[in-house]
Amino acid sequence: MGGLMAESEYRLLEKFPSISDYRRLRAAVGWSELPPGAVEKGLGGSLYSVCVCRGEEVVGCGRVVGDGAVYFYIQDVIVLPEHQGQGLGTRIMGRIMAYLDGHAHQNSFIALMAAKGAEGFYERYGFTRRPQDRPGMFLIWGDEST
């Protein structure tokens, strides 16, 4: 076939990726490796997750974590590099936004941390960059480079 895949070759399923699929997706986009036990616990604590599958292979995912009422965080919107550029991230975000539409309340806080260069993608969904006078902070536990 070559070139772009037909959209019908991909299915979006409301499910959690397996531990091995999640670790494979993270590795493919250059994200840090996490131990299987941590991944299992983390995925189990998610509020919502969607996977993109081509055949039986999970080629992308996205999930929502938080308290389910006041705070929601969009996490792990990942598409394997060889499947990027085909609208799969847009389809993942569409499902996530539909989930939030049914679960977030007036003035719920919905946040995400965009990868460098991906800010414009999330701005399409109404996300804005945090102003300099309201800085956010983070810590990656055990990362000796911080």
C-alpha atoms as a PDB file:
ATOM      1  CA  MET A   1       0.000   0.000   0.000  1.00  0.00           C
ATOM      2  CA  GLY A   2       2.768   2.498   0.942  1.00  0.00           C
ATOM      3  CA  GLY A   3       2.261   6.094   2.037  1.00  0.00           C
ATOM      4  CA  LEU A   4      -0.492   7.034   4.439  1.00  0.00           C
ATOM      5  CA  MET A   5      -2.653   4.366   5.998  1.00  0.00           C
ATOM      6  CA  ALA A   6      -6.374   4.470   5.434  1.00  0.00           C
ATOM      7  CA  GLU A   7      -8.150   5.856   8.496  1.00  0.00           C
ATOM      8  CA  SER A   8     -10.295   2.710   8.616  1.00  0.00           C
ATOM      9  CA  GLU A   9      -7.186   0.648   9.360  1.00  0.00           C
ATOM     10  CA  TYR A  10      -7.112   2.201  12.824  1.00  0.00           C
ATOM     11  CA  ARG A  11      -9.559   1.551  15.657  1.00  0.00           C
ATOM     12  CA  LEU A  12      -9.963   3.651  18.795  1.00  0.00           C
ATOM     13  CA  LEU A  13     -10.774   1.561  21.827  1.00  0.00           C
ATOM     14  CA  GLU A  14     -11.606   2.817  25.300  1.00  0.00           C
ATOM     15  CA  LYS A  15      -9.147   0.633  27.161  1.00  0.00           C
ATOM     16  CA  PHE A  16      -5.859   0.796  28.994  1.00  0.00           C
ATOM     17  CA  PRO A  17      -2.705  -0.215  27.148  1.00  0.00           C
ATOM     18  CA  SER A  18      -0.947  -3.277  28.502  1.00  0.00           C
ATOM     19  CA  ILE A  19       2.136  -2.656  30.604  1.00  0.00           C
ATOM     20  CA  SER A  20       4.392  -3.797  27.760  1.00  0.00           C
ATOM     21  CA  ASP A  21       2.535  -1.694  25.159  1.00  0.00           C
ATOM     22  CA  TYR A  22       2.736   1.400  27.365  1.00  0.00           C
ATOM     23  CA  ARG A  23       6.452   0.930  27.955  1.00  0.00           C
ATOM     24  CA  ARG A  24       7.020   0.323  24.221  1.00  0.00           C
ATOM     25  CA  LEU A  25       5.109   3.494  23.280  1.00  0.00           C
ATOM     26  CA  ARG A  26       7.074   5.592  25.781  1.00  0.00           C
ATOM     27  CA  ALA A  27      10.396   4.206  24.559  1.00  0.00           C
ATOM     28  CA  ALA A  28       9.480   4.861  20.909  1.00  0.00           C
ATOM     29  CA  VAL A  29       9.031   8.590  21.560  1.00  0.00           C
ATOM     30  CA  GLY A  30      12.108   8.904  23.784  1.00  0.00           C
ATOM     31  CA  TRP A  31      10.389   9.158  27.151  1.00  0.00           C
ATOM     32  CA  SER A  32      12.062   7.795  30.285  1.00  0.00           C
ATOM     33  CA  GLU A  33      11.749   4.146  31.171  1.00  0.00           C
ATOM     34  CA  LEU A  34       9.525   3.203  34.106  1.00  0.00           C
ATOM     35  CA  PRO A  35       9.547  -0.093  35.991  1.00  0.00           C
ATOM     36  CA  PRO A  36       6.664  -2.465  35.146  1.00  0.00           C
ATOM     37  CA  GLY A  37       5.260  -2.290  38.700  1.00  0.00           C
ATOM     38  CA  ALA A  38       5.055   1.486  38.575  1.00  0.00           C
ATOM     39  CA  VAL A  39       3.368   1.360  35.164  1.00  0.00           C
ATOM     40  CA  GLU A  40       0.824  -1.173  36.402  1.00  0.00           C
ATOM     41  CA  LYS A  41      -0.082   0.963  39.398  1.00  0.00           C
ATOM     42  CA  GLY A  42      -0.130   4.172  37.359  1.00  0.00           C
ATOM     43  CA  LEU A  43      -2.366   2.796  34.634  1.00  0.00           C
ATOM     44  CA  GLY A  44      -4.682   1.345  37.271  1.00  0.00           C
ATOM     45  CA  GLY A  45      -5.070   4.778  38.832  1.00  0.00           C
ATOM     46  CA  SER A  46      -6.206   6.387  35.584  1.00  0.00           C
ATOM     47  CA  LEU A  47      -9.696   7.787  35.191  1.00  0.00           C
ATOM     48  CA  TYR A  48      -9.891   7.128  31.461  1.00  0.00           C
ATOM     49  CA  SER A  49      -7.762   5.740  28.669  1.00  0.00           C
ATOM     50  CA  VAL A  50      -8.060   5.280  24.933  1.00  0.00           C
ATOM     51  CA  CYS A  51      -5.833   3.233  22.641  1.00  0.00           C
ATOM     52  CA  VAL A  52      -5.384   3.391  18.887  1.00  0.00           C
ATOM     53  CA  CYS A  53      -4.914  -0.037  17.384  1.00  0.00           C
ATOM     54  CA  ARG A  54      -3.881  -1.152  13.935  1.00  0.00           C
ATOM     55  CA  GLY A  55      -4.816  -4.779  13.775  1.00  0.00           C
ATOM     56  CA  GLU A  56      -3.831  -6.108  17.182  1.00  0.00           C
ATOM     57  CA  GLU A  57      -0.959  -3.642  17.658  1.00  0.00           C
ATOM     58  CA  VAL A  58      -1.406  -0.664  19.963  1.00  0.00           C
ATOM     59  CA  VAL A  59       0.111   2.251  18.027  1.00  0.00           C
ATOM     60  CA  GLY A  60      -1.056   5.107  20.250  1.00  0.00           C
ATOM     61  CA  CYS A  61      -2.772   6.013  23.491  1.00  0.00           C
ATOM     62  CA  GLY A  62      -3.864   8.816  25.766  1.00  0.00           C
ATOM     63  CA  ARG A  63      -5.232   8.907  29.262  1.00  0.00           C
ATOM     64  CA  VAL A  64      -6.740  11.128  31.933  1.00  0.00           C
ATOM     65  CA  VAL A  65      -5.715  11.092  35.585  1.00  0.00           C
ATOM     66  CA  GLY A  66      -6.934  13.151  38.520  1.00  0.00           C
ATOM     67  CA  ASP A  67      -9.636  13.172  41.175  1.00  0.00           C
ATOM     68  CA  GLY A  68     -12.524  12.842  38.731  1.00  0.00           C
ATOM     69  CA  ALA A  69     -14.297  16.041  39.734  1.00  0.00           C
ATOM     70  CA  VAL A  70     -12.107  19.083  40.370  1.00  0.00           C
ATOM     71  CA  TYR A  71      -8.742  18.187  38.782  1.00  0.00           C
ATOM     72  CA  PHE A  72      -8.098  16.368  35.515  1.00  0.00           C
ATOM     73  CA  TYR A  73      -4.708  15.911  33.879  1.00  0.00           C
ATOM     74  CA  ILE A  74      -4.282  14.700  30.325  1.00  0.00           C
ATOM     75  CA  GLN A  75      -1.316  12.361  30.181  1.00  0.00           C
ATOM     76  CA  ASP A  76       0.571  10.210  27.725  1.00  0.00           C
ATOM     77  CA  VAL A  77      -0.867  11.266  24.392  1.00  0.00           C
ATOM     78  CA  ILE A  78       1.527   9.102  22.384  1.00  0.00           C
ATOM     79  CA  VAL A  79       1.524   7.915  18.769  1.00  0.00           C
ATOM     80  CA  LEU A  80       4.325   5.718  17.445  1.00  0.00           C
ATOM     81  CA  PRO A  81       6.549   7.826  15.166  1.00  0.00           C
ATOM     82  CA  GLU A  82       5.831   5.670  12.105  1.00  0.00           C
ATOM     83  CA  HIS A  83       2.086   6.327  12.543  1.00  0.00           C
ATOM     84  CA  GLN A  84       2.313  10.065  13.245  1.00  0.00           C
ATOM     85  CA  GLY A  85       0.944  12.619  10.811  1.00  0.00           C
ATOM     86  CA  GLN A  86      -2.243  10.679  10.127  1.00  0.00           C
ATOM     87  CA  GLY A  87      -4.592  12.392  12.560  1.00  0.00           C
ATOM     88  CA  LEU A  88      -4.336   9.756  15.277  1.00  0.00           C
ATOM     89  CA  GLY A  89      -3.377  12.269  17.975  1.00  0.00           C
ATOM     90  CA  THR A  90      -6.410  14.328  16.963  1.00  0.00           C
ATOM     91  CA  ARG A  91      -8.642  11.268  17.275  1.00  0.00           C
ATOM     92  CA  ILE A  92      -7.181  10.457  20.709  1.00  0.00           C
ATOM     93  CA  MET A  93      -7.740  14.023  21.902  1.00  0.00           C
ATOM     94  CA  GLY A  94     -11.274  13.983  20.502  1.00  0.00           C
ATOM     95  CA  ARG A  95     -12.121  11.011  22.703  1.00  0.00           C
ATOM     96  CA  ILE A  96     -10.409  12.555  25.716  1.00  0.00           C
ATOM     97  CA  MET A  97     -12.283  15.826  25.264  1.00  0.00           C
ATOM     98  CA  ALA A  98     -15.576  13.911  24.951  1.00  0.00           C
ATOM     99  CA  TYR A  99     -14.765  12.118  28.218  1.00  0.00           C
ATOM    100  CA  LEU A 100     -14.052  15.458  29.900  1.00  0.00           C
ATOM    101  CA  ASP A 101     -17.273  16.913  28.508  1.00  0.00           C
ATOM    102  CA  GLY A 102     -19.169  14.197  30.346  1.00  0.00           C
ATOM    103  CA  HIS A 103     -17.206  14.291  33.595  1.00  0.00           C
ATOM    104  CA  ALA A 104     -15.710  17.745  34.253  1.00  0.00           C
ATOM    105  CA  HIS A 105     -17.757  20.364  36.094  1.00  0.00           C
ATOM    106  CA  GLN A 106     -18.015  24.130  35.807  1.00  0.00           C
ATOM    107  CA  ASN A 107     -14.563  25.504  36.732  1.00  0.00           C
ATOM    108  CA  SER A 108     -12.866  22.087  36.896  1.00  0.00           C
ATOM    109  CA  PHE A 109      -9.127  22.440  36.310  1.00  0.00           C
ATOM    110  CA  ILE A 110      -7.890  20.534  33.254  1.00  0.00           C
ATOM    111  CA  ALA A 111      -4.159  20.539  32.598  1.00  0.00           C
ATOM    112  CA  LEU A 112      -1.444  18.864  30.584  1.00  0.00           C
ATOM    113  CA  MET A 113       2.257  19.185  29.969  1.00  0.00           C
ATOM    114  CA  ALA A 114       2.881  19.465  26.239  1.00  0.00           C
ATOM    115  CA  ALA A 115       6.061  18.137  24.703  1.00  0.00           C
ATOM    116  CA  LYS A 116       8.273  20.860  23.285  1.00  0.00           C
ATOM    117  CA  GLY A 117       6.851  21.955  19.944  1.00  0.00           C
ATOM    118  CA  ALA A 118       3.423  20.382  20.540  1.00  0.00           C
ATOM    119  CA  GLU A 119       1.836  23.408  22.215  1.00  0.00           C
ATOM    120  CA  GLY A 120      -0.017  24.429  19.045  1.00  0.00           C
ATOM    121  CA  PHE A 121      -1.674  21.008  18.837  1.00  0.00           C
ATOM    122  CA  TYR A 122      -3.232  21.453  22.287  1.00  0.00           C
ATOM    123  CA  GLU A 123      -4.171  25.083  21.699  1.00  0.00           C
ATOM    124  CA  ARG A 124      -6.713  23.766  19.160  1.00  0.00           C
ATOM    125  CA  TYR A 125      -8.594  22.290  22.126  1.00  0.00           C
ATOM    126  CA  GLY A 126      -8.611  25.525  24.105  1.00  0.00           C
ATOM    127  CA  PHE A 127      -5.473  24.976  26.182  1.00  0.00           C
ATOM    128  CA  THR A 128      -3.295  28.019  26.762  1.00  0.00           C
ATOM    129  CA  ARG A 129       0.299  28.383  27.837  1.00  0.00           C
ATOM    130  CA  ARG A 130       0.742  29.249  31.469  1.00  0.00           C
ATOM    131  CA  PRO A 131       1.589  32.938  31.927  1.00  0.00           C
ATOM    132  CA  GLN A 132       5.043  33.761  33.289  1.00  0.00           C
ATOM    133  CA  ASP A 133       3.503  35.339  36.387  1.00  0.00           C
ATOM    134  CA  ARG A 134       1.809  32.005  37.203  1.00  0.00           C
ATOM    135  CA  PRO A 135       4.642  29.529  36.821  1.00  0.00           C
ATOM    136  CA  GLY A 136       4.065  25.837  37.229  1.00  0.00           C
ATOM    137  CA  MET A 137       6.610  23.519  38.749  1.00  0.00           C
ATOM    138  CA  PHE A 138       7.464  19.854  38.573  1.00  0.00           C
ATOM    139  CA  LEU A 139       9.914  17.293  39.929  1.00  0.00           C
ATOM    140  CA  ILE A 140      10.896  13.985  38.404  1.00  0.00           C
ATOM    141  CA  TRP A 141      11.637  11.811  41.396  1.00  0.00           C
ATOM    142  CA  GLY A 142      15.138  10.346  41.408  1.00  0.00           C
ATOM    143  CA  ASP A 143      16.272  12.229  38.291  1.00  0.00           C
ATOM    144  CA  GLU A 144      19.813  13.224  39.191  1.00  0.00           C
ATOM    145  CA  SER A 145      19.994  15.758  36.353  1.00  0.00           C
ATOM    146  CA  THR A 146      17.568  18.128  38.127  1.00  0.00           C
END
